[in-house]
Amino acid sequence: MKSIKTDIVVIGAGPGGYAAAFYAADKGKKVILVEQDKRLGGVCLNRGCIPSKALIHATHMISESRQSVKRGITFAEPAIDLPKLREWKEGILGKLSGGISLLAEKRGVEVWKGRGYFEGPQKLRVETEEGQQFIQYDHAILAVGSRPAMPQVFDLGNPRIMTSTEALALEEIPKDLLVVGGGYIGMELGTIYAKLGSQVTVIEALGNILTGADPDLVRPVAQFAEKNFKEVRLNAKVLKMATQKKKIEVISEFGGKKVEELYDRVLISVGRVPNSKDLGLENTKIEMDDKGFVKTNALRQTADPAVYAIGDIAGGVLLAHKAHKEARIAVEAIVGEAEVAENFVIPAVVFTDPEVAWCGLTETEAREKGIAVKVARFPWAASGRAMTLDRTDGLTKLVLEPETERILGVGIAGVGAGELISEGVLALELGAVAKDLAECVHPHPTLSETLMECAESFYGTATHVLPRKSLGSR
């Protein structure tokens, strides 16, 4: 039995966990990083962000090759080698995880492979292959993340009913795929399988896909789905599922009628739940909300002063870059460098086709909260660069404070929106006004110009669109 004393123990080696461990080591602290998976990197690297984006890129090549016909360039119909595609994807994950391990070694962060369990105040038990080992810590950072939700009514123990984890394993290309949930995970994975050749049906309980994004930004994605999916059913719900030989029988309600159908596979994409069980949290002073997320203050400190929580386990928006930022806040609080928590801007990106990205206040939020705003829009149909890409389906918009013209929010729909949104984040962080963005020279021809011209359109001076007499309040 091994027992060791450390300054900081980090439980979970995802984007938040390893960022916290590395930052703490950079600050001169003795750090132990505990991870129960074989590979470092957490859900994001191994079963989420990275593999999904790899497959999105790979399958985008399929649609690009077909669309090139109208440019006078014709390719043979793609032949899909699933084992090779999986091997390529796994190669990426292995390299990234290996890089994290090397960085941990170079920084002097000790990595323990095993499951962490709080034994009591400032004592963590780690169940490893060598047996139980113990860590006495001054501070702990909890970064154990979340997992896909699987409602009991859908959990038949049938591998043909998948979560995102199984869907990204890409075992086969089903002829008929049902996606339950039209959020960002469901729409991203639905896009991948549709491009691989599956007939994709989406069932969404709400009246819109991608809830949280403004409707005008979602519209290009909905138009893509209309052309490339078999069907998207809004205001619909799944009532029951059952195994029917090699199919899944699904009974759903749509348009006031019950529908019975058979699918080769079903993807359940109805949200995520925190990994807060079986951690021994009851042996600490940590408090949780009714959904199992750990409560923290602005500095990410829990009700147990020795324990901090970051990322998905602490609730809020479940995004890797949020976890990374919170890691730095927690470490700075522990080393005594944090005076007040930052009110930082968290961008959101949905990697559908086209991508959708936004940051700050959305037009929908402003309307719901009764906040008066002005909105400027620039359609990508007026962008020369978008036209050269055959992607004029995009839109760039600014949400502005009427009196000061300060930028309150930025939204982008279009190819590469995830890369472009960071300029919006910078504008919000610096408190920029529309004039600042309008006067920044942007290279031509680029998609980034749409941000400049969107700001110019607010003043009626955009070169490539006719001026509007009045934008009015929204």
Protein backbone atom coordinates (compact mmCIF):
# COMPACT_ATOMS: atom_id res chain seq x y z
CA MET A 1 0.00 0.00 0.00
CA LYS A 2 1.40 3.35 -1.09
CA SER A 3 0.66 6.66 0.60
CA ILE A 4 1.99 10.02 -0.48
CA LYS A 5 1.59 13.69 0.41
CA THR A 6 1.11 16.31 -2.28
CA ASP A 7 0.22 19.97 -2.64
CA ILE A 8 -2.52 19.43 -5.21
CA VAL A 9 -4.27 16.33 -6.49
CA VAL A 10 -6.32 16.64 -9.68
CA ILE A 11 -8.99 13.99 -10.26
CA GLY A 12 -9.72 13.62 -13.97
CA ALA A 13 -7.35 14.22 -16.88
CA GLY A 14 -9.68 15.87 -19.37
CA PRO A 15 -9.17 19.37 -20.85
CA GLY A 16 -9.83 20.95 -17.46
CA GLY A 17 -7.98 18.41 -15.36
CA TYR A 18 -4.69 18.22 -17.21
CA ALA A 19 -4.73 21.99 -17.79
CA ALA A 20 -5.08 22.47 -14.02
CA ALA A 21 -2.33 19.98 -13.26
CA PHE A 22 0.09 21.57 -15.75
CA TYR A 23 -0.67 25.13 -14.62
CA ALA A 24 -0.24 24.20 -10.96
CA ALA A 25 3.10 22.54 -11.76
CA ASP A 26 4.15 25.66 -13.67
CA LYS A 27 3.37 27.59 -10.47
CA GLY A 28 5.80 25.40 -8.53
CA LYS A 29 3.32 23.05 -6.87
CA LYS A 30 3.76 19.32 -6.38
CA VAL A 31 0.93 17.77 -8.37
CA ILE A 32 -0.56 14.29 -8.78
CA LEU A 33 -2.97 13.73 -11.66
CA VAL A 34 -5.42 10.82 -11.21
CA GLU A 35 -7.17 9.31 -14.25
CA GLN A 36 -9.10 6.03 -14.45
CA ASP A 37 -8.99 5.72 -18.28
CA LYS A 38 -6.02 4.16 -20.02
CA ARG A 39 -5.45 7.30 -22.07
CA LEU A 40 -5.21 10.85 -20.80
CA GLY A 41 -7.38 13.53 -22.37
CA GLY A 42 -10.82 12.73 -20.96
CA VAL A 43 -14.06 12.52 -22.91
CA CYS A 44 -13.14 15.44 -25.16
CA LEU A 45 -10.05 13.83 -26.60
CA ASN A 46 -11.10 10.19 -26.53
CA ARG A 47 -14.88 10.09 -26.98
CA GLY A 48 -16.03 13.59 -27.88
CA CYS A 49 -14.60 16.76 -29.38
CA ILE A 50 -11.56 15.38 -31.19
CA PRO A 51 -12.91 12.15 -32.72
CA SER A 52 -16.13 13.87 -33.80
CA LYS A 53 -14.25 16.70 -35.50
CA ALA A 54 -11.95 14.20 -37.20
CA LEU A 55 -14.95 12.35 -38.63
CA ILE A 56 -16.69 15.60 -39.56
CA HIS A 57 -13.63 16.62 -41.57
CA ALA A 58 -13.30 13.19 -43.21
CA THR A 59 -16.95 13.01 -44.24
CA HIS A 60 -16.91 16.63 -45.42
CA MET A 61 -14.49 15.46 -48.09
CA ILE A 62 -17.24 13.19 -49.42
CA SER A 63 -19.71 16.03 -49.93
CA GLU A 64 -16.97 18.31 -51.30
CA SER A 65 -16.00 15.76 -53.94
CA ARG A 66 -19.60 15.48 -55.11
CA GLN A 67 -20.12 19.24 -55.20
CA SER A 68 -17.01 19.71 -57.33
CA VAL A 69 -18.89 18.38 -60.37
CA LYS A 70 -20.36 21.84 -60.99
CA ARG A 71 -16.83 23.29 -60.91
CA GLY A 72 -15.81 21.00 -63.73
CA ILE A 73 -13.87 18.61 -61.49
CA THR A 74 -15.26 15.09 -61.21
CA PHE A 75 -14.12 12.37 -58.81
CA ALA A 76 -15.10 8.73 -58.66
CA GLU A 77 -17.79 7.88 -56.12
CA PRO A 78 -16.08 7.57 -52.70
CA ALA A 79 -15.32 4.08 -51.42
CA ILE A 80 -15.49 4.00 -47.61
CA ASP A 81 -13.05 1.73 -45.78
CA LEU A 82 -14.39 1.81 -42.22
CA PRO A 83 -11.47 -0.03 -40.56
CA LYS A 84 -9.01 2.38 -42.16
CA LEU A 85 -11.14 5.38 -41.18
CA ARG A 86 -11.24 4.15 -37.59
CA GLU A 87 -7.50 3.53 -37.63
CA TRP A 88 -6.84 7.07 -38.86
CA LYS A 89 -9.10 8.52 -36.16
CA GLU A 90 -7.49 6.40 -33.42
CA GLY A 91 -4.06 7.48 -34.61
CA ILE A 92 -4.97 11.10 -33.95
CA LEU A 93 -6.24 10.29 -30.47
CA GLY A 94 -3.14 8.27 -29.64
CA LYS A 95 -0.79 11.05 -30.69
CA LEU A 96 -2.65 13.69 -28.71
CA SER A 97 -2.90 11.55 -25.59
CA GLY A 98 0.77 10.64 -25.87
CA GLY A 99 1.59 14.33 -26.11
CA ILE A 100 -0.28 15.03 -22.88
CA SER A 101 1.59 12.21 -21.12
CA LEU A 102 4.92 13.63 -22.32
CA LEU A 103 4.00 17.13 -21.15
CA ALA A 104 3.05 15.73 -17.74
CA GLU A 105 6.39 13.97 -17.48
CA LYS A 106 8.38 17.05 -18.51
CA ARG A 107 6.51 19.18 -16.00
CA GLY A 108 7.06 16.75 -13.16
CA VAL A 109 3.35 15.93 -12.80
CA GLU A 110 2.97 12.43 -11.36
CA VAL A 111 0.22 10.48 -13.15
CA TRP A 112 -1.69 7.78 -11.27
CA LYS A 113 -3.91 5.46 -13.31
CA GLY A 114 -6.93 4.49 -11.23
CA ARG A 115 -10.24 5.53 -9.76
CA GLY A 116 -10.21 8.27 -7.14
CA TYR A 117 -12.43 8.11 -4.04
CA PHE A 118 -12.57 10.63 -1.20
CA GLU A 119 -11.91 8.78 2.07
CA GLY A 120 -12.33 11.86 4.23
CA PRO A 121 -10.99 15.37 4.74
CA GLN A 122 -7.98 15.89 2.47
CA LYS A 123 -7.52 12.16 1.84
CA LEU A 124 -8.05 10.44 -1.50
CA ARG A 125 -8.00 6.70 -2.13
CA VAL A 126 -6.95 5.59 -5.59
CA GLU A 127 -7.88 2.12 -6.76
CA THR A 128 -5.12 1.05 -9.15
CA GLU A 129 -4.08 -2.23 -10.74
CA GLU A 130 -1.44 -2.52 -8.01
CA GLY A 131 -4.07 -2.13 -5.29
CA GLN A 132 -5.33 0.70 -3.11
CA GLN A 133 -3.08 3.70 -2.74
CA PHE A 134 -3.64 6.91 -0.78
CA ILE A 135 -2.95 10.58 -1.33
CA GLN A 136 -2.95 13.19 1.43
CA TYR A 137 -3.48 16.56 -0.21
CA ASP A 138 -3.55 20.24 0.69
CA HIS A 139 -5.97 20.95 -2.15
CA ALA A 140 -7.92 18.86 -4.64
CA ILE A 141 -9.34 19.86 -8.01
CA LEU A 142 -12.29 17.76 -9.13
CA ALA A 143 -12.49 17.50 -12.92
CA VAL A 144 -14.26 14.20 -13.57
CA GLY A 145 -16.56 15.50 -16.32
CA SER A 146 -19.87 14.12 -17.52
CA ARG A 147 -21.27 11.27 -19.60
CA PRO A 148 -24.07 10.92 -22.16
CA ALA A 149 -27.53 10.67 -20.63
CA MET A 150 -29.40 7.41 -21.28
CA PRO A 151 -33.00 7.57 -20.04
CA GLN A 152 -34.06 4.28 -18.52
CA VAL A 153 -36.93 3.90 -20.99
CA PHE A 154 -34.38 3.67 -23.82
CA ASP A 155 -31.80 1.54 -22.03
CA LEU A 156 -32.63 -1.90 -23.44
CA GLY A 157 -29.11 -3.24 -23.21
CA ASN A 158 -29.07 -3.46 -27.00
CA PRO A 159 -25.84 -2.25 -28.66
CA ARG A 160 -27.91 -0.93 -31.56
CA ILE A 161 -29.11 1.81 -29.22
CA MET A 162 -26.10 4.10 -28.99
CA THR A 163 -24.89 7.16 -27.16
CA SER A 164 -22.33 9.48 -28.73
CA THR A 165 -19.58 7.22 -27.38
CA GLU A 166 -20.69 4.22 -29.44
CA ALA A 167 -21.62 6.36 -32.45
CA LEU A 168 -18.06 7.70 -32.63
CA ALA A 169 -16.68 4.15 -32.54
CA LEU A 170 -18.12 3.87 -36.06
CA GLU A 171 -18.74 0.12 -36.01
CA GLU A 172 -20.94 0.24 -39.10
CA ILE A 173 -22.86 2.56 -41.39
CA PRO A 174 -26.51 1.81 -40.66
CA LYS A 175 -28.97 2.08 -43.52
CA ASP A 176 -31.57 3.72 -41.28
CA LEU A 177 -30.49 5.78 -38.28
CA LEU A 178 -32.76 7.52 -35.78
CA VAL A 179 -31.29 10.40 -33.81
CA VAL A 180 -33.25 11.22 -30.66
CA GLY A 181 -32.44 14.85 -29.86
CA GLY A 182 -31.73 17.75 -32.21
CA GLY A 183 -29.07 19.44 -30.08
CA TYR A 184 -25.50 20.01 -31.16
CA ILE A 185 -24.30 16.44 -30.54
CA GLY A 186 -27.25 14.88 -32.34
CA MET A 187 -26.97 17.20 -35.33
CA GLU A 188 -23.18 16.84 -35.61
CA LEU A 189 -23.32 13.03 -35.52
CA GLY A 190 -26.38 12.98 -37.75
CA THR A 191 -24.40 14.99 -40.30
CA ILE A 192 -21.49 12.52 -40.16
CA TYR A 193 -23.70 9.49 -40.75
CA ALA A 194 -25.76 11.22 -43.44
CA LYS A 195 -22.60 11.95 -45.41
CA LEU A 196 -21.50 8.34 -44.96
CA GLY A 197 -24.75 7.24 -46.54
CA SER A 198 -27.22 6.61 -43.71
CA GLN A 199 -30.85 7.64 -44.00
CA VAL A 200 -31.05 9.89 -40.93
CA THR A 201 -34.24 10.81 -39.10
CA VAL A 202 -34.11 13.29 -36.21
CA ILE A 203 -36.77 13.48 -33.53
CA GLU A 204 -36.68 16.65 -31.40
CA ALA A 205 -39.15 17.34 -28.60
CA LEU A 206 -38.87 21.12 -28.94
CA GLY A 207 -39.93 23.33 -31.82
CA ASN A 208 -36.38 23.97 -33.06
CA ILE A 209 -33.08 22.19 -33.53
CA LEU A 210 -29.97 23.64 -31.87
CA THR A 211 -31.89 25.36 -29.09
CA GLY A 212 -29.77 28.20 -27.69
CA ALA A 213 -28.68 29.56 -31.04
CA ASP A 214 -30.63 32.31 -32.77
CA PRO A 215 -33.10 31.04 -35.41
CA ASP A 216 -31.47 32.98 -38.25
CA LEU A 217 -28.15 31.26 -37.49
CA VAL A 218 -29.81 27.84 -37.30
CA ARG A 219 -31.65 28.29 -40.61
CA PRO A 220 -28.71 27.24 -42.87
CA VAL A 221 -28.24 24.07 -40.79
CA ALA A 222 -31.95 23.28 -41.02
CA GLN A 223 -31.77 23.76 -44.79
CA PHE A 224 -28.82 21.37 -45.01
CA ALA A 225 -30.70 18.79 -42.94
CA GLU A 226 -33.78 19.18 -45.10
CA LYS A 227 -31.73 18.25 -48.18
CA ASN A 228 -29.45 15.61 -46.67
CA PHE A 229 -31.43 13.95 -43.87
CA LYS A 230 -34.41 11.74 -44.46
CA GLU A 231 -36.51 13.84 -42.06
CA VAL A 232 -36.33 16.21 -39.10
CA ARG A 233 -39.39 16.00 -36.86
CA LEU A 234 -39.93 18.88 -34.44
CA ASN A 235 -42.36 18.86 -31.51
CA ALA A 236 -42.11 15.08 -31.55
CA LYS A 237 -41.20 12.50 -28.93
CA VAL A 238 -40.25 8.86 -28.66
CA LEU A 239 -42.72 6.88 -26.56
CA LYS A 240 -41.21 3.41 -26.58
CA MET A 241 -38.43 1.28 -28.02
CA ALA A 242 -38.13 -2.49 -28.33
CA THR A 243 -35.78 -5.00 -29.91
CA GLN A 244 -37.20 -6.53 -33.10
CA LYS A 245 -34.66 -9.12 -34.31
CA LYS A 246 -31.81 -7.08 -35.83
CA LYS A 247 -33.82 -3.87 -35.75
CA ILE A 248 -35.03 -1.41 -33.16
CA GLU A 249 -38.76 -0.87 -33.14
CA VAL A 250 -39.57 2.74 -32.30
CA ILE A 251 -42.97 4.11 -31.40
CA SER A 252 -43.06 7.90 -31.57
CA GLU A 253 -45.61 10.68 -31.55
CA PHE A 254 -45.53 13.29 -34.29
CA GLY A 255 -48.19 15.59 -35.67
CA GLY A 256 -50.76 14.24 -33.25
CA LYS A 257 -50.30 10.66 -34.48
CA LYS A 258 -48.43 7.60 -33.25
CA VAL A 259 -45.81 6.30 -35.66
CA GLU A 260 -44.29 2.79 -35.56
CA GLU A 261 -41.00 2.29 -37.40
CA LEU A 262 -37.95 0.03 -37.57
CA TYR A 263 -34.38 1.36 -37.50
CA ASP A 264 -31.00 -0.33 -37.85
CA ARG A 265 -29.55 1.85 -35.09
CA VAL A 266 -30.73 4.58 -32.74
CA LEU A 267 -28.58 7.39 -31.34
CA ILE A 268 -29.74 8.81 -28.02
CA SER A 269 -28.58 12.41 -27.78
CA VAL A 270 -30.63 14.05 -25.05
CA GLY A 271 -27.95 15.70 -22.94
CA ARG A 272 -25.25 14.76 -20.46
CA VAL A 273 -25.16 13.94 -16.74
CA PRO A 274 -22.35 14.62 -14.23
CA ASN A 275 -19.99 11.88 -13.07
CA SER A 276 -20.62 12.68 -9.43
CA LYS A 277 -21.55 9.21 -8.15
CA ASP A 278 -19.21 6.78 -6.37
CA LEU A 279 -16.59 9.41 -5.65
CA GLY A 280 -17.01 9.50 -1.88
CA LEU A 281 -18.25 13.09 -2.01
CA GLU A 282 -20.39 12.33 1.03
CA ASN A 283 -17.12 12.06 2.98
CA THR A 284 -16.36 15.70 2.23
CA LYS A 285 -18.25 18.95 2.75
CA ILE A 286 -18.99 19.20 -0.97
CA GLU A 287 -22.58 20.13 -1.87
CA MET A 288 -24.44 19.19 -5.06
CA ASP A 289 -27.55 20.49 -6.78
CA ASP A 290 -30.58 18.34 -7.57
CA LYS A 291 -29.03 17.20 -10.86
CA GLY A 292 -25.80 16.02 -9.27
CA PHE A 293 -23.58 18.91 -10.33
CA VAL A 294 -21.10 20.13 -7.73
CA LYS A 295 -21.78 23.60 -6.35
CA THR A 296 -18.91 26.10 -6.46
CA ASN A 297 -18.31 29.77 -5.85
CA ALA A 298 -16.89 32.20 -8.40
CA LEU A 299 -13.34 30.94 -7.73
CA ARG A 300 -14.47 27.32 -8.38
CA GLN A 301 -14.17 26.46 -4.67
CA THR A 302 -16.72 24.01 -3.27
CA ALA A 303 -18.32 24.03 0.17
CA ASP A 304 -15.26 22.02 1.21
CA PRO A 305 -12.56 24.72 1.26
CA ALA A 306 -9.84 22.23 0.27
CA VAL A 307 -11.67 21.05 -2.86
CA TYR A 308 -12.29 22.91 -6.11
CA ALA A 309 -14.46 21.74 -9.02
CA ILE A 310 -14.11 22.66 -12.69
CA GLY A 311 -15.61 21.75 -16.04
CA ASP A 312 -18.69 19.62 -16.62
CA ILE A 313 -18.89 18.33 -13.04
CA ALA A 314 -19.50 21.93 -11.90
CA GLY A 315 -22.38 22.48 -14.33
CA GLY A 316 -23.07 25.48 -16.52
CA VAL A 317 -22.27 25.13 -20.20
CA LEU A 318 -20.52 21.79 -20.75
CA LEU A 319 -17.66 22.88 -22.99
CA ALA A 320 -13.98 21.93 -22.95
CA HIS A 321 -12.72 25.51 -23.28
CA LYS A 322 -14.82 26.55 -20.29
CA ALA A 323 -13.14 23.79 -18.26
CA HIS A 324 -9.72 24.98 -19.41
CA LYS A 325 -10.43 28.53 -18.26
CA GLU A 326 -11.87 27.37 -14.94
CA ALA A 327 -8.72 25.31 -14.39
CA ARG A 328 -6.66 28.47 -14.38
CA ILE A 329 -9.10 30.26 -12.09
CA ALA A 330 -8.97 27.40 -9.57
CA VAL A 331 -5.17 27.16 -9.59
CA GLU A 332 -4.77 30.92 -9.21
CA ALA A 333 -7.18 30.84 -6.28
CA ILE A 334 -5.19 28.04 -4.62
CA VAL A 335 -1.83 29.82 -5.03
CA GLY A 336 -3.29 33.12 -3.83
CA GLU A 337 -3.18 35.02 -7.11
CA ALA A 338 -6.91 35.39 -7.77
CA GLU A 339 -8.49 38.51 -6.34
CA VAL A 340 -11.82 38.31 -8.11
CA ALA A 341 -13.24 35.85 -10.60
CA GLU A 342 -13.32 36.98 -14.21
CA ASN A 343 -16.62 37.41 -16.00
CA PHE A 344 -15.20 35.72 -19.07
CA VAL A 345 -16.82 35.23 -22.46
CA ILE A 346 -17.45 31.61 -23.46
CA PRO A 347 -17.96 31.04 -27.18
CA ALA A 348 -20.15 28.19 -28.41
CA VAL A 349 -19.54 26.33 -31.65
CA VAL A 350 -21.66 23.68 -33.33
CA PHE A 351 -19.68 21.77 -35.97
CA THR A 352 -22.59 20.99 -38.25
CA ASP A 353 -22.70 21.79 -41.96
CA PRO A 354 -22.48 24.73 -41.98
CA GLU A 355 -20.96 25.52 -38.59
CA VAL A 356 -22.75 27.79 -36.14
CA ALA A 357 -20.92 29.90 -33.54
CA TRP A 358 -21.85 32.64 -31.13
CA CYS A 359 -20.64 34.46 -28.05
CA GLY A 360 -22.06 36.97 -25.62
CA LEU A 361 -25.72 38.02 -25.71
CA THR A 362 -27.88 36.41 -28.37
CA GLU A 363 -30.79 38.19 -30.00
CA THR A 364 -33.14 35.58 -28.53
CA GLU A 365 -31.81 36.13 -25.01
CA ALA A 366 -32.15 39.89 -25.39
CA ARG A 367 -35.79 39.50 -26.40
CA GLU A 368 -36.53 37.11 -23.53
CA LYS A 369 -34.87 39.40 -20.98
CA GLY A 370 -36.43 42.58 -22.35
CA ILE A 371 -33.05 44.08 -23.26
CA ALA A 372 -33.22 46.67 -26.04
CA VAL A 373 -30.65 45.93 -28.74
CA LYS A 374 -29.91 46.72 -32.36
CA VAL A 375 -28.90 43.95 -34.71
CA ALA A 376 -26.67 44.22 -37.77
CA ARG A 377 -26.48 41.38 -40.29
CA PHE A 378 -24.24 40.66 -43.24
CA PRO A 379 -25.31 37.84 -45.61
CA TRP A 380 -22.51 35.73 -47.04
CA ALA A 381 -24.19 35.89 -50.43
CA ALA A 382 -22.42 39.28 -50.62
CA SER A 383 -19.01 37.80 -49.75
CA GLY A 384 -16.63 37.15 -52.60
CA ARG A 385 -14.69 34.62 -50.55
CA ALA A 386 -17.86 32.71 -49.65
CA MET A 387 -18.75 32.63 -53.32
CA THR A 388 -15.36 31.15 -54.28
CA LEU A 389 -16.01 28.43 -51.72
CA ASP A 390 -19.53 27.79 -53.00
CA ARG A 391 -20.70 28.51 -49.45
CA THR A 392 -22.91 31.58 -49.64
CA ASP A 393 -25.31 30.04 -47.10
CA GLY A 394 -23.66 31.87 -44.20
CA LEU A 395 -24.57 34.87 -42.06
CA THR A 396 -22.66 37.17 -39.71
CA LYS A 397 -24.52 39.24 -37.11
CA LEU A 398 -23.77 41.68 -34.32
CA VAL A 399 -25.97 42.37 -31.30
CA LEU A 400 -25.36 45.96 -30.19
CA GLU A 401 -26.25 48.24 -27.29
CA PRO A 402 -28.30 51.07 -28.89
CA GLU A 403 -26.94 53.99 -26.85
CA THR A 404 -23.23 53.13 -26.81
CA GLU A 405 -23.01 50.91 -29.91
CA ARG A 406 -21.03 48.47 -27.74
CA ILE A 407 -20.89 44.93 -29.09
CA LEU A 408 -22.91 42.69 -26.77
CA GLY A 409 -22.95 39.55 -28.88
CA VAL A 410 -21.65 38.06 -32.10
CA GLY A 411 -23.17 35.23 -34.13
CA ILE A 412 -21.86 33.48 -37.22
CA ALA A 413 -23.30 30.70 -39.36
CA GLY A 414 -21.15 29.39 -42.17
CA VAL A 415 -18.14 27.33 -43.10
CA GLY A 416 -15.33 27.98 -40.60
CA ALA A 417 -17.58 29.84 -38.14
CA GLY A 418 -15.75 28.17 -35.25
CA GLU A 419 -12.48 29.76 -36.37
CA LEU A 420 -14.04 33.18 -36.95
CA ILE A 421 -15.88 33.56 -33.63
CA SER A 422 -12.71 34.28 -31.65
CA GLU A 423 -12.62 37.77 -33.14
CA GLY A 424 -16.05 38.26 -31.60
CA VAL A 425 -14.78 37.00 -28.23
CA LEU A 426 -11.91 39.48 -28.38
CA ALA A 427 -14.31 42.31 -29.24
CA LEU A 428 -16.50 41.49 -26.24
CA GLU A 429 -13.57 41.05 -23.84
CA LEU A 430 -12.14 44.43 -24.85
CA GLY A 431 -15.49 46.20 -24.72
CA ALA A 432 -15.31 47.14 -28.39
CA VAL A 433 -17.99 49.16 -30.16
CA ALA A 434 -19.19 48.62 -33.72
CA LYS A 435 -16.97 51.44 -34.99
CA ASP A 436 -13.85 49.64 -33.68
CA LEU A 437 -14.68 46.57 -35.71
CA ALA A 438 -15.69 48.58 -38.78
CA GLU A 439 -12.38 50.47 -38.81
CA CYS A 440 -10.16 47.39 -38.45
CA VAL A 441 -8.71 46.53 -41.86
CA HIS A 442 -9.47 42.92 -42.76
CA PRO A 443 -7.64 41.01 -45.50
CA HIS A 444 -9.42 40.47 -48.80
CA PRO A 445 -10.83 38.12 -49.91
CA THR A 446 -11.59 36.36 -46.61
CA LEU A 447 -14.59 35.29 -44.60
CA SER A 448 -13.30 37.46 -41.72
CA GLU A 449 -14.28 40.48 -43.83
CA THR A 450 -17.90 39.64 -43.06
CA LEU A 451 -17.33 40.83 -39.48
CA MET A 452 -16.00 44.19 -40.68
CA GLU A 453 -18.77 44.62 -43.24
CA CYS A 454 -21.39 43.60 -40.69
CA ALA A 455 -20.19 46.42 -38.46
CA GLU A 456 -20.13 48.79 -41.44
CA SER A 457 -23.68 47.78 -42.32
CA PHE A 458 -24.76 49.07 -38.92
CA TYR A 459 -23.76 52.54 -40.13
CA GLY A 460 -25.11 51.99 -43.63
CA THR A 461 -21.65 52.09 -45.19
CA ALA A 462 -20.93 48.43 -46.02
CA THR A 463 -19.44 48.22 -49.50
CA HIS A 464 -21.13 45.05 -50.66
CA VAL A 465 -24.69 45.48 -49.39
CA LEU A 466 -27.16 48.31 -49.86
CA PRO A 467 -27.64 50.54 -46.81
CA ARG A 468 -30.71 50.18 -44.66
CA LYS A 469 -32.47 53.34 -43.53
CA SER A 470 -33.05 52.07 -40.03
CA LEU A 471 -32.19 48.91 -38.14
CA GLY A 472 -34.61 49.63 -35.34
CA SER A 473 -34.70 48.05 -31.87
CA ARG A 474 -35.21 44.36 -31.34
